[in-house]
Amino acid sequence: MIREFFAGVRILGRGFGMWRTHPKLLALGLVPALIAFVLLAAALTPFGLALGSITDWITPFADGWVTPWRELLRAGLGAVLLIAALALAGAVFTALTLTIGDPFYQRIWRGIERSLGGPEPTGDTGLMTTIGEGIRLIVLGVLVALLTLVIGFLPLVGGVLASVVGVVLSGRLVARELTGRAFDARGLTTYSRSELLGSGRARVIGFGVATQLCFLVPLGAIVTMPAAVAGSTILARSLTERAPASLQTADPPPPPRA
């Protein structure tokens, strides 16, 4: 499991390596990522600035507490709220970026598929599918943020445990969303896609966690997003190639019209 986890981390590293071998291709993904980053920063900055006031409003019962217990309580609560917000931010950033830059990221993953050699998948992902997947990712991101918030209130270990759970779960969501294009192009059924992701769970989590941590670096999300799309293409290829033929089944064609 540990070996597979770090294999996922290395796949993201291979995605970053594409900046050296395919700089023009990956540069297509910078503008959508920048737009999404600016929009998200515009929402998070006021939240961060108001964090002190928010924690004061949530804990009026602590107004009469003596120093340093009042400050420790509110600082811990502020940290938990920030962790939950960052967990949600990764999902929102991914969904927003992929939706805004759908044509650019389509070109990126196809270019990476060609560079990997072998048969190139010919399927396509429509814009409405991308939007639907983005909405689903945001809804799941909200659930992860709420879970992270609840865990954060556990005594002693809450803050650390919330950080780990938030990064792991949001990273897995991000990895699932990023591999969607490569799987859709292969015409995989929903069942096959879930089974493939499950068969390489540690590898998927390693890739997702590494991506999520890069997103948390100031301005890192902008450069990371094109590399993550490239890496997710490699990840999808690796999961598909080692899977049994029963999981590489495309959706059946629609029945002919009468």
C-alpha atoms as a PDB file:
ATOM      1  CA  MET A   1       0.000   0.000   0.000  1.00  0.00           C
ATOM      2  CA  ILE A   2       2.806   2.423   0.865  1.00  0.00           C
ATOM      3  CA  ARG A   3       4.583   1.604  -2.398  1.00  0.00           C
ATOM      4  CA  GLU A   4       1.373   2.240  -4.331  1.00  0.00           C
ATOM      5  CA  PHE A   5       0.776   5.526  -2.482  1.00  0.00           C
ATOM      6  CA  PHE A   6       4.168   6.858  -3.495  1.00  0.00           C
ATOM      7  CA  ALA A   7       3.652   5.534  -7.017  1.00  0.00           C
ATOM      8  CA  GLY A   8       0.710   7.936  -7.168  1.00  0.00           C
ATOM      9  CA  VAL A   9       2.912  10.770  -5.910  1.00  0.00           C
ATOM     10  CA  ARG A  10       5.481   9.965  -8.603  1.00  0.00           C
ATOM     11  CA  ILE A  11       2.767  10.079 -11.266  1.00  0.00           C
ATOM     12  CA  LEU A  12       2.088  13.696 -10.338  1.00  0.00           C
ATOM     13  CA  GLY A  13       5.847  14.223 -10.612  1.00  0.00           C
ATOM     14  CA  ARG A  14       5.686  12.829 -14.155  1.00  0.00           C
ATOM     15  CA  GLY A  15       2.898  15.300 -14.822  1.00  0.00           C
ATOM     16  CA  PHE A  16       5.177  18.134 -13.720  1.00  0.00           C
ATOM     17  CA  GLY A  17       7.849  16.670 -15.982  1.00  0.00           C
ATOM     18  CA  MET A  18       5.558  17.379 -18.919  1.00  0.00           C
ATOM     19  CA  TRP A  19       6.269  21.073 -18.365  1.00  0.00           C
ATOM     20  CA  ARG A  20       9.762  20.329 -19.684  1.00  0.00           C
ATOM     21  CA  THR A  21       8.774  18.116 -22.611  1.00  0.00           C
ATOM     22  CA  HIS A  22       5.420  19.711 -23.567  1.00  0.00           C
ATOM     23  CA  PRO A  23       5.591  23.314 -22.296  1.00  0.00           C
ATOM     24  CA  LYS A  24       3.304  24.822 -24.941  1.00  0.00           C
ATOM     25  CA  LEU A  25       0.673  22.142 -24.423  1.00  0.00           C
ATOM     26  CA  LEU A  26       0.530  22.520 -20.648  1.00  0.00           C
ATOM     27  CA  ALA A  27       0.638  26.322 -20.907  1.00  0.00           C
ATOM     28  CA  LEU A  28      -2.873  26.120 -22.371  1.00  0.00           C
ATOM     29  CA  GLY A  29      -4.136  25.276 -18.896  1.00  0.00           C
ATOM     30  CA  LEU A  30      -2.618  28.275 -17.117  1.00  0.00           C
ATOM     31  CA  VAL A  31      -5.262  30.870 -17.989  1.00  0.00           C
ATOM     32  CA  PRO A  32      -8.319  28.862 -16.794  1.00  0.00           C
ATOM     33  CA  ALA A  33      -6.441  27.969 -13.604  1.00  0.00           C
ATOM     34  CA  LEU A  34      -5.535  31.626 -13.049  1.00  0.00           C
ATOM     35  CA  ILE A  35      -9.146  32.745 -13.533  1.00  0.00           C
ATOM     36  CA  ALA A  36     -10.430  30.113 -11.103  1.00  0.00           C
ATOM     37  CA  PHE A  37      -7.698  30.992  -8.603  1.00  0.00           C
ATOM     38  CA  VAL A  38      -8.584  34.691  -8.674  1.00  0.00           C
ATOM     39  CA  LEU A  39     -12.299  33.949  -8.205  1.00  0.00           C
ATOM     40  CA  LEU A  40     -11.620  31.590  -5.330  1.00  0.00           C
ATOM     41  CA  ALA A  41      -9.144  33.966  -3.704  1.00  0.00           C
ATOM     42  CA  ALA A  42     -11.760  36.727  -3.904  1.00  0.00           C
ATOM     43  CA  ALA A  43     -14.068  34.532  -1.846  1.00  0.00           C
ATOM     44  CA  LEU A  44     -11.499  33.165   0.625  1.00  0.00           C
ATOM     45  CA  THR A  45      -9.707  36.423   1.407  1.00  0.00           C
ATOM     46  CA  PRO A  46     -12.706  38.106   3.101  1.00  0.00           C
ATOM     47  CA  PHE A  47     -13.359  34.860   4.981  1.00  0.00           C
ATOM     48  CA  GLY A  48      -9.792  34.795   6.250  1.00  0.00           C
ATOM     49  CA  LEU A  49      -9.883  38.449   7.269  1.00  0.00           C
ATOM     50  CA  ALA A  50     -13.159  37.963   9.121  1.00  0.00           C
ATOM     51  CA  LEU A  51     -12.095  34.711  10.790  1.00  0.00           C
ATOM     52  CA  GLY A  52     -11.460  36.395  14.137  1.00  0.00           C
ATOM     53  CA  SER A  53     -14.889  38.018  14.157  1.00  0.00           C
ATOM     54  CA  ILE A  54     -16.522  34.732  13.136  1.00  0.00           C
ATOM     55  CA  THR A  55     -14.920  32.800  15.984  1.00  0.00           C
ATOM     56  CA  ASP A  56     -15.909  35.541  18.451  1.00  0.00           C
ATOM     57  CA  TRP A  57     -19.508  35.340  17.206  1.00  0.00           C
ATOM     58  CA  ILE A  58     -19.605  31.539  17.503  1.00  0.00           C
ATOM     59  CA  THR A  59     -18.186  31.512  21.057  1.00  0.00           C
ATOM     60  CA  PRO A  60     -19.964  34.270  23.028  1.00  0.00           C
ATOM     61  CA  PHE A  61     -19.921  31.966  26.053  1.00  0.00           C
ATOM     62  CA  ALA A  62     -16.122  32.397  26.231  1.00  0.00           C
ATOM     63  CA  ASP A  63     -16.222  36.177  26.630  1.00  0.00           C
ATOM     64  CA  GLY A  64     -15.842  35.875  30.380  1.00  0.00           C
ATOM     65  CA  TRP A  65     -13.079  33.283  30.288  1.00  0.00           C
ATOM     66  CA  VAL A  66      -9.666  34.225  31.615  1.00  0.00           C
ATOM     67  CA  THR A  67      -6.554  34.447  29.441  1.00  0.00           C
ATOM     68  CA  PRO A  68      -5.204  32.319  27.772  1.00  0.00           C
ATOM     69  CA  TRP A  69      -8.156  29.879  27.617  1.00  0.00           C
ATOM     70  CA  ARG A  70     -10.415  32.218  25.636  1.00  0.00           C
ATOM     71  CA  GLU A  71      -7.678  32.882  23.059  1.00  0.00           C
ATOM     72  CA  LEU A  72      -6.748  29.199  22.794  1.00  0.00           C
ATOM     73  CA  LEU A  73     -10.355  28.172  22.216  1.00  0.00           C
ATOM     74  CA  ARG A  74     -10.924  30.765  19.514  1.00  0.00           C
ATOM     75  CA  ALA A  75      -7.575  30.129  17.830  1.00  0.00           C
ATOM     76  CA  GLY A  76      -8.312  26.403  17.690  1.00  0.00           C
ATOM     77  CA  LEU A  77     -11.792  27.035  16.304  1.00  0.00           C
ATOM     78  CA  GLY A  78     -10.360  29.394  13.701  1.00  0.00           C
ATOM     79  CA  ALA A  79      -7.849  26.746  12.642  1.00  0.00           C
ATOM     80  CA  VAL A  80     -10.611  24.148  12.262  1.00  0.00           C
ATOM     81  CA  LEU A  81     -12.741  26.523  10.168  1.00  0.00           C
ATOM     82  CA  LEU A  82      -9.744  27.314   7.961  1.00  0.00           C
ATOM     83  CA  ILE A  83      -8.938  23.617   7.458  1.00  0.00           C
ATOM     84  CA  ALA A  84     -12.538  22.928   6.424  1.00  0.00           C
ATOM     85  CA  ALA A  85     -12.517  25.910   4.046  1.00  0.00           C
ATOM     86  CA  LEU A  86      -9.288  24.731   2.396  1.00  0.00           C
ATOM     87  CA  ALA A  87     -10.672  21.209   2.014  1.00  0.00           C
ATOM     88  CA  LEU A  88     -13.659  22.651   0.156  1.00  0.00           C
ATOM     89  CA  ALA A  89     -11.481  25.081  -1.814  1.00  0.00           C
ATOM     90  CA  GLY A  90      -9.568  22.245  -3.522  1.00  0.00           C
ATOM     91  CA  ALA A  91     -12.779  20.700  -4.840  1.00  0.00           C
ATOM     92  CA  VAL A  92     -14.236  24.032  -5.929  1.00  0.00           C
ATOM     93  CA  PHE A  93     -11.000  25.062  -7.649  1.00  0.00           C
ATOM     94  CA  THR A  94     -10.804  21.789  -9.582  1.00  0.00           C
ATOM     95  CA  ALA A  95     -14.459  21.881 -10.662  1.00  0.00           C
ATOM     96  CA  LEU A  96     -14.310  25.550 -11.642  1.00  0.00           C
ATOM     97  CA  THR A  97     -11.025  25.249 -13.522  1.00  0.00           C
ATOM     98  CA  LEU A  98     -12.049  22.166 -15.514  1.00  0.00           C
ATOM     99  CA  THR A  99     -15.372  23.772 -16.444  1.00  0.00           C
ATOM    100  CA  ILE A 100     -13.855  27.096 -17.520  1.00  0.00           C
ATOM    101  CA  GLY A 101     -10.981  25.503 -19.417  1.00  0.00           C
ATOM    102  CA  ASP A 102     -12.686  22.389 -20.785  1.00  0.00           C
ATOM    103  CA  PRO A 103     -11.452  22.828 -24.411  1.00  0.00           C
ATOM    104  CA  PHE A 104      -7.884  23.472 -23.227  1.00  0.00           C
ATOM    105  CA  TYR A 105      -7.759  20.500 -20.887  1.00  0.00           C
ATOM    106  CA  GLN A 106      -9.263  18.294 -23.580  1.00  0.00           C
ATOM    107  CA  ARG A 107      -6.247  19.173 -25.743  1.00  0.00           C
ATOM    108  CA  ILE A 108      -3.834  18.563 -22.865  1.00  0.00           C
ATOM    109  CA  TRP A 109      -5.004  15.066 -21.996  1.00  0.00           C
ATOM    110  CA  ARG A 110      -5.230  14.050 -25.666  1.00  0.00           C
ATOM    111  CA  GLY A 111      -1.714  15.326 -26.263  1.00  0.00           C
ATOM    112  CA  ILE A 112      -0.442  13.324 -23.289  1.00  0.00           C
ATOM    113  CA  GLU A 113      -2.287  10.223 -24.501  1.00  0.00           C
ATOM    114  CA  ARG A 114      -0.516  10.527 -27.871  1.00  0.00           C
ATOM    115  CA  SER A 115       2.860  11.003 -26.189  1.00  0.00           C
ATOM    116  CA  LEU A 116       2.348   7.823 -24.147  1.00  0.00           C
ATOM    117  CA  GLY A 117       1.914   5.781 -27.338  1.00  0.00           C
ATOM    118  CA  GLY A 118      -0.431   2.885 -27.895  1.00  0.00           C
ATOM    119  CA  PRO A 119      -4.058   3.131 -28.996  1.00  0.00           C
ATOM    120  CA  GLU A 120      -5.493   6.578 -28.392  1.00  0.00           C
ATOM    121  CA  PRO A 121      -9.020   6.661 -26.924  1.00  0.00           C
ATOM    122  CA  THR A 122     -11.397   8.402 -29.278  1.00  0.00           C
ATOM    123  CA  GLY A 123     -14.335   9.173 -26.998  1.00  0.00           C
ATOM    124  CA  ASP A 124     -15.229  12.672 -25.879  1.00  0.00           C
ATOM    125  CA  THR A 125     -16.656  14.456 -22.849  1.00  0.00           C
ATOM    126  CA  GLY A 126     -19.422  16.949 -23.469  1.00  0.00           C
ATOM    127  CA  LEU A 127     -19.570  20.291 -21.693  1.00  0.00           C
ATOM    128  CA  MET A 128     -22.785  19.371 -19.886  1.00  0.00           C
ATOM    129  CA  THR A 129     -21.120  16.247 -18.534  1.00  0.00           C
ATOM    130  CA  THR A 130     -18.217  18.374 -17.313  1.00  0.00           C
ATOM    131  CA  ILE A 131     -20.602  20.796 -15.612  1.00  0.00           C
ATOM    132  CA  GLY A 132     -22.535  17.928 -14.012  1.00  0.00           C
ATOM    133  CA  GLU A 133     -19.354  16.310 -12.719  1.00  0.00           C
ATOM    134  CA  GLY A 134     -18.216  19.688 -11.397  1.00  0.00           C
ATOM    135  CA  ILE A 135     -21.442  20.181  -9.453  1.00  0.00           C
ATOM    136  CA  ARG A 136     -21.128  16.680  -8.049  1.00  0.00           C
ATOM    137  CA  LEU A 137     -17.554  17.383  -6.986  1.00  0.00           C
ATOM    138  CA  ILE A 138     -18.564  20.592  -5.193  1.00  0.00           C
ATOM    139  CA  VAL A 139     -21.415  18.840  -3.350  1.00  0.00           C
ATOM    140  CA  LEU A 140     -19.051  16.085  -2.200  1.00  0.00           C
ATOM    141  CA  GLY A 141     -16.494  18.748  -1.290  1.00  0.00           C
ATOM    142  CA  VAL A 142     -19.066  20.397   0.980  1.00  0.00           C
ATOM    143  CA  LEU A 143     -19.682  17.051   2.705  1.00  0.00           C
ATOM    144  CA  VAL A 144     -15.932  16.549   3.198  1.00  0.00           C
ATOM    145  CA  ALA A 145     -15.624  20.066   4.628  1.00  0.00           C
ATOM    146  CA  LEU A 146     -18.480  19.392   7.077  1.00  0.00           C
ATOM    147  CA  LEU A 147     -16.905  16.094   8.142  1.00  0.00           C
ATOM    148  CA  THR A 148     -13.575  17.843   8.598  1.00  0.00           C
ATOM    149  CA  LEU A 149     -15.279  20.503  10.695  1.00  0.00           C
ATOM    150  CA  VAL A 150     -16.884  17.900  12.963  1.00  0.00           C
ATOM    151  CA  ILE A 151     -13.629  15.973  13.412  1.00  0.00           C
ATOM    152  CA  GLY A 152     -11.831  19.209  14.248  1.00  0.00           C
ATOM    153  CA  PHE A 153     -13.832  19.537  17.464  1.00  0.00           C
ATOM    154  CA  LEU A 154     -12.472  16.283  18.886  1.00  0.00           C
ATOM    155  CA  PRO A 155     -10.384  16.989  22.006  1.00  0.00           C
ATOM    156  CA  LEU A 156      -6.581  17.064  21.668  1.00  0.00           C
ATOM    157  CA  VAL A 157      -6.260  15.302  18.283  1.00  0.00           C
ATOM    158  CA  GLY A 158      -9.046  17.111  16.429  1.00  0.00           C
ATOM    159  CA  GLY A 159      -6.933  19.657  14.572  1.00  0.00           C
ATOM    160  CA  VAL A 160      -4.313  17.202  13.326  1.00  0.00           C
ATOM    161  CA  LEU A 161      -6.856  14.499  12.475  1.00  0.00           C
ATOM    162  CA  ALA A 162      -9.075  17.002  10.629  1.00  0.00           C
ATOM    163  CA  SER A 163      -6.106  18.154   8.538  1.00  0.00           C
ATOM    164  CA  VAL A 164      -5.197  14.597   7.535  1.00  0.00           C
ATOM    165  CA  VAL A 165      -8.776  13.541   6.794  1.00  0.00           C
ATOM    166  CA  GLY A 166      -9.461  16.746   4.866  1.00  0.00           C
ATOM    167  CA  VAL A 167      -6.409  16.363   2.634  1.00  0.00           C
ATOM    168  CA  VAL A 168      -6.941  12.624   2.008  1.00  0.00           C
ATOM    169  CA  LEU A 169     -10.665  12.793   1.219  1.00  0.00           C
ATOM    170  CA  SER A 170     -10.519  15.979  -0.843  1.00  0.00           C
ATOM    171  CA  GLY A 171      -7.449  14.632  -2.645  1.00  0.00           C
ATOM    172  CA  ARG A 172      -9.328  11.475  -3.595  1.00  0.00           C
ATOM    173  CA  LEU A 173     -12.236  13.552  -4.901  1.00  0.00           C
ATOM    174  CA  VAL A 174      -9.861  15.676  -6.974  1.00  0.00           C
ATOM    175  CA  ALA A 175      -8.122  12.586  -8.387  1.00  0.00           C
ATOM    176  CA  ARG A 176     -11.450  11.009  -9.350  1.00  0.00           C
ATOM    177  CA  GLU A 177     -12.561  14.179 -11.113  1.00  0.00           C
ATOM    178  CA  LEU A 178      -9.266  14.642 -12.975  1.00  0.00           C
ATOM    179  CA  THR A 179      -9.247  11.080 -14.328  1.00  0.00           C
ATOM    180  CA  GLY A 180     -12.808  11.493 -15.604  1.00  0.00           C
ATOM    181  CA  ARG A 181     -11.826  12.661 -19.097  1.00  0.00           C
ATOM    182  CA  ALA A 182      -9.468   9.776 -19.782  1.00  0.00           C
ATOM    183  CA  PHE A 183     -12.020   7.249 -18.517  1.00  0.00           C
ATOM    184  CA  ASP A 184     -14.887   8.831 -20.440  1.00  0.00           C
ATOM    185  CA  ALA A 185     -12.825   8.712 -23.631  1.00  0.00           C
ATOM    186  CA  ARG A 186     -12.441   4.977 -23.115  1.00  0.00           C
ATOM    187  CA  GLY A 187     -16.208   4.612 -22.810  1.00  0.00           C
ATOM    188  CA  LEU A 188     -15.954   2.920 -19.419  1.00  0.00           C
ATOM    189  CA  THR A 189     -19.103   2.176 -17.487  1.00  0.00           C
ATOM    190  CA  THR A 190     -19.643   3.806 -14.105  1.00  0.00           C
ATOM    191  CA  TYR A 191     -19.111   0.406 -12.506  1.00  0.00           C
ATOM    192  CA  SER A 192     -15.828  -0.165 -14.357  1.00  0.00           C
ATOM    193  CA  ARG A 193     -14.552   3.282 -13.424  1.00  0.00           C
ATOM    194  CA  SER A 194     -15.328   2.748  -9.739  1.00  0.00           C
ATOM    195  CA  GLU A 195     -13.699  -0.665  -9.808  1.00  0.00           C
ATOM    196  CA  LEU A 196     -10.574   0.692 -11.486  1.00  0.00           C
ATOM    197  CA  LEU A 197     -10.245   3.475  -8.924  1.00  0.00           C
ATOM    198  CA  GLY A 198     -10.860   0.975  -6.140  1.00  0.00           C
ATOM    199  CA  SER A 199      -8.272  -1.462  -7.475  1.00  0.00           C
ATOM    200  CA  GLY A 200      -5.628   1.267  -7.280  1.00  0.00           C
ATOM    201  CA  ARG A 201      -7.003   3.088  -4.231  1.00  0.00           C
ATOM    202  CA  ALA A 202      -3.621   3.770  -2.631  1.00  0.00           C
ATOM    203  CA  ARG A 203      -2.173   5.013  -5.930  1.00  0.00           C
ATOM    204  CA  VAL A 204      -5.191   7.263  -6.521  1.00  0.00           C
ATOM    205  CA  ILE A 205      -4.995   8.681  -2.996  1.00  0.00           C
ATOM    206  CA  GLY A 206      -1.240   9.270  -3.337  1.00  0.00           C
ATOM    207  CA  PHE A 207      -1.798  11.212  -6.544  1.00  0.00           C
ATOM    208  CA  GLY A 208      -4.734  13.145  -5.066  1.00  0.00           C
ATOM    209  CA  VAL A 209      -3.005  13.997  -1.795  1.00  0.00           C
ATOM    210  CA  ALA A 210       0.103  15.243  -3.612  1.00  0.00           C
ATOM    211  CA  THR A 211      -2.087  17.361  -5.905  1.00  0.00           C
ATOM    212  CA  GLN A 212      -4.087  18.772  -2.997  1.00  0.00           C
ATOM    213  CA  LEU A 213      -0.930  19.699  -1.076  1.00  0.00           C
ATOM    214  CA  CYS A 214       0.446  21.473  -4.152  1.00  0.00           C
ATOM    215  CA  PHE A 215      -2.830  23.393  -4.385  1.00  0.00           C
ATOM    216  CA  LEU A 216      -2.206  24.718  -0.868  1.00  0.00           C
ATOM    217  CA  VAL A 217       1.124  26.300  -1.844  1.00  0.00           C
ATOM    218  CA  PRO A 218       0.627  30.016  -2.618  1.00  0.00           C
ATOM    219  CA  LEU A 219       0.030  30.308  -6.384  1.00  0.00           C
ATOM    220  CA  GLY A 220       0.960  26.630  -6.683  1.00  0.00           C
ATOM    221  CA  ALA A 221      -2.508  25.672  -7.877  1.00  0.00           C
ATOM    222  CA  ILE A 222      -2.047  27.631 -11.114  1.00  0.00           C
ATOM    223  CA  VAL A 223       1.066  25.718 -12.190  1.00  0.00           C
ATOM    224  CA  THR A 224      -0.093  22.438 -10.680  1.00  0.00           C
ATOM    225  CA  MET A 225      -3.433  22.179 -12.484  1.00  0.00           C
ATOM    226  CA  PRO A 226      -2.068  21.527 -16.018  1.00  0.00           C
ATOM    227  CA  ALA A 227       0.483  19.103 -14.564  1.00  0.00           C
ATOM    228  CA  ALA A 228      -2.287  17.360 -12.598  1.00  0.00           C
ATOM    229  CA  VAL A 229      -4.361  16.936 -15.771  1.00  0.00           C
ATOM    230  CA  ALA A 230      -1.320  15.417 -17.487  1.00  0.00           C
ATOM    231  CA  GLY A 231      -0.605  13.221 -14.462  1.00  0.00           C
ATOM    232  CA  SER A 232      -4.211  12.082 -14.199  1.00  0.00           C
ATOM    233  CA  THR A 233      -4.023  10.916 -17.814  1.00  0.00           C
ATOM    234  CA  ILE A 234      -0.985   8.814 -16.925  1.00  0.00           C
ATOM    235  CA  LEU A 235      -2.795   7.548 -13.813  1.00  0.00           C
ATOM    236  CA  ALA A 236      -5.874   6.525 -15.787  1.00  0.00           C
ATOM    237  CA  ARG A 237      -3.688   4.751 -18.358  1.00  0.00           C
ATOM    238  CA  SER A 238      -1.785   2.859 -15.640  1.00  0.00           C
ATOM    239  CA  LEU A 239      -4.977   1.755 -13.881  1.00  0.00           C
ATOM    240  CA  THR A 240      -6.558   0.625 -17.143  1.00  0.00           C
ATOM    241  CA  GLU A 241      -3.534  -1.303 -18.429  1.00  0.00           C
ATOM    242  CA  ARG A 242      -3.157  -3.423 -15.320  1.00  0.00           C
ATOM    243  CA  ALA A 243      -6.896  -4.079 -14.899  1.00  0.00           C
ATOM    244  CA  PRO A 244      -8.572  -7.312 -16.027  1.00  0.00           C
ATOM    245  CA  ALA A 245     -10.388  -7.177 -19.330  1.00  0.00           C
ATOM    246  CA  SER A 246     -13.749  -7.387 -17.547  1.00  0.00           C
ATOM    247  CA  LEU A 247     -13.210  -3.880 -16.152  1.00  0.00           C
ATOM    248  CA  GLN A 248     -12.256  -2.385 -19.500  1.00  0.00           C
ATOM    249  CA  THR A 249     -15.805  -2.608 -20.807  1.00  0.00           C
ATOM    250  CA  ALA A 250     -17.369   0.296 -22.617  1.00  0.00           C
ATOM    251  CA  ASP A 251     -20.969   1.306 -22.211  1.00  0.00           C
ATOM    252  CA  PRO A 252     -23.175  -0.531 -24.676  1.00  0.00           C
ATOM    253  CA  PRO A 253     -24.290   1.448 -27.693  1.00  0.00           C
ATOM    254  CA  PRO A 254     -27.807   2.913 -27.576  1.00  0.00           C
ATOM    255  CA  PRO A 255     -30.513   0.736 -29.154  1.00  0.00           C
ATOM    256  CA  PRO A 256     -31.525   1.670 -32.697  1.00  0.00           C
ATOM    257  CA  ARG A 257     -34.532   3.907 -33.054  1.00  0.00           C
ATOM    258  CA  ALA A 258     -37.694   2.316 -34.272  1.00  0.00           C
END
